[in-house]
Amino acid sequence: RARVCASAFLRQGAGKMCNAVGCGFCAMMSIFGSFFMFLLGILIANNYKFVGEWYHPEPGMGAPTKAQIDTASKNCFAVGGIYIGFTVLSIGMTCFFNRKAKSS
């Protein structure tokens, strides 16, 4: 019984969720995510004081060390790059689904 329900879901539900609208939404969310992560990386790299306490405090130091700043900003930029990759993939899939809809 579970296999029948799962296959019915895949036939009916999964095809409707992955379309131009869904891929467009993913593209918009990825654009926002990449913008936010690059902004956060720039703010951390400049040691902006209103970013928050994102670092592990070292004994005797109240501010993040240079190594912590470099590591955190590098990681933010890497995640921003991953979001850009998802943006490109989502836009490509949106174009694919739009072209598929026009041809059918």
Foldseek 3Di string as FASTA:
>chain_A
DVVVVVVVCVVPPPVVCQALVNLVVLLVVLVVLLVVLLVLLVCLLVVPPPSDPPDDDDPPDDGDDNVRSVVSSVVSNVVSVVSVVSNVVSVVSSVVRVVVVVVD
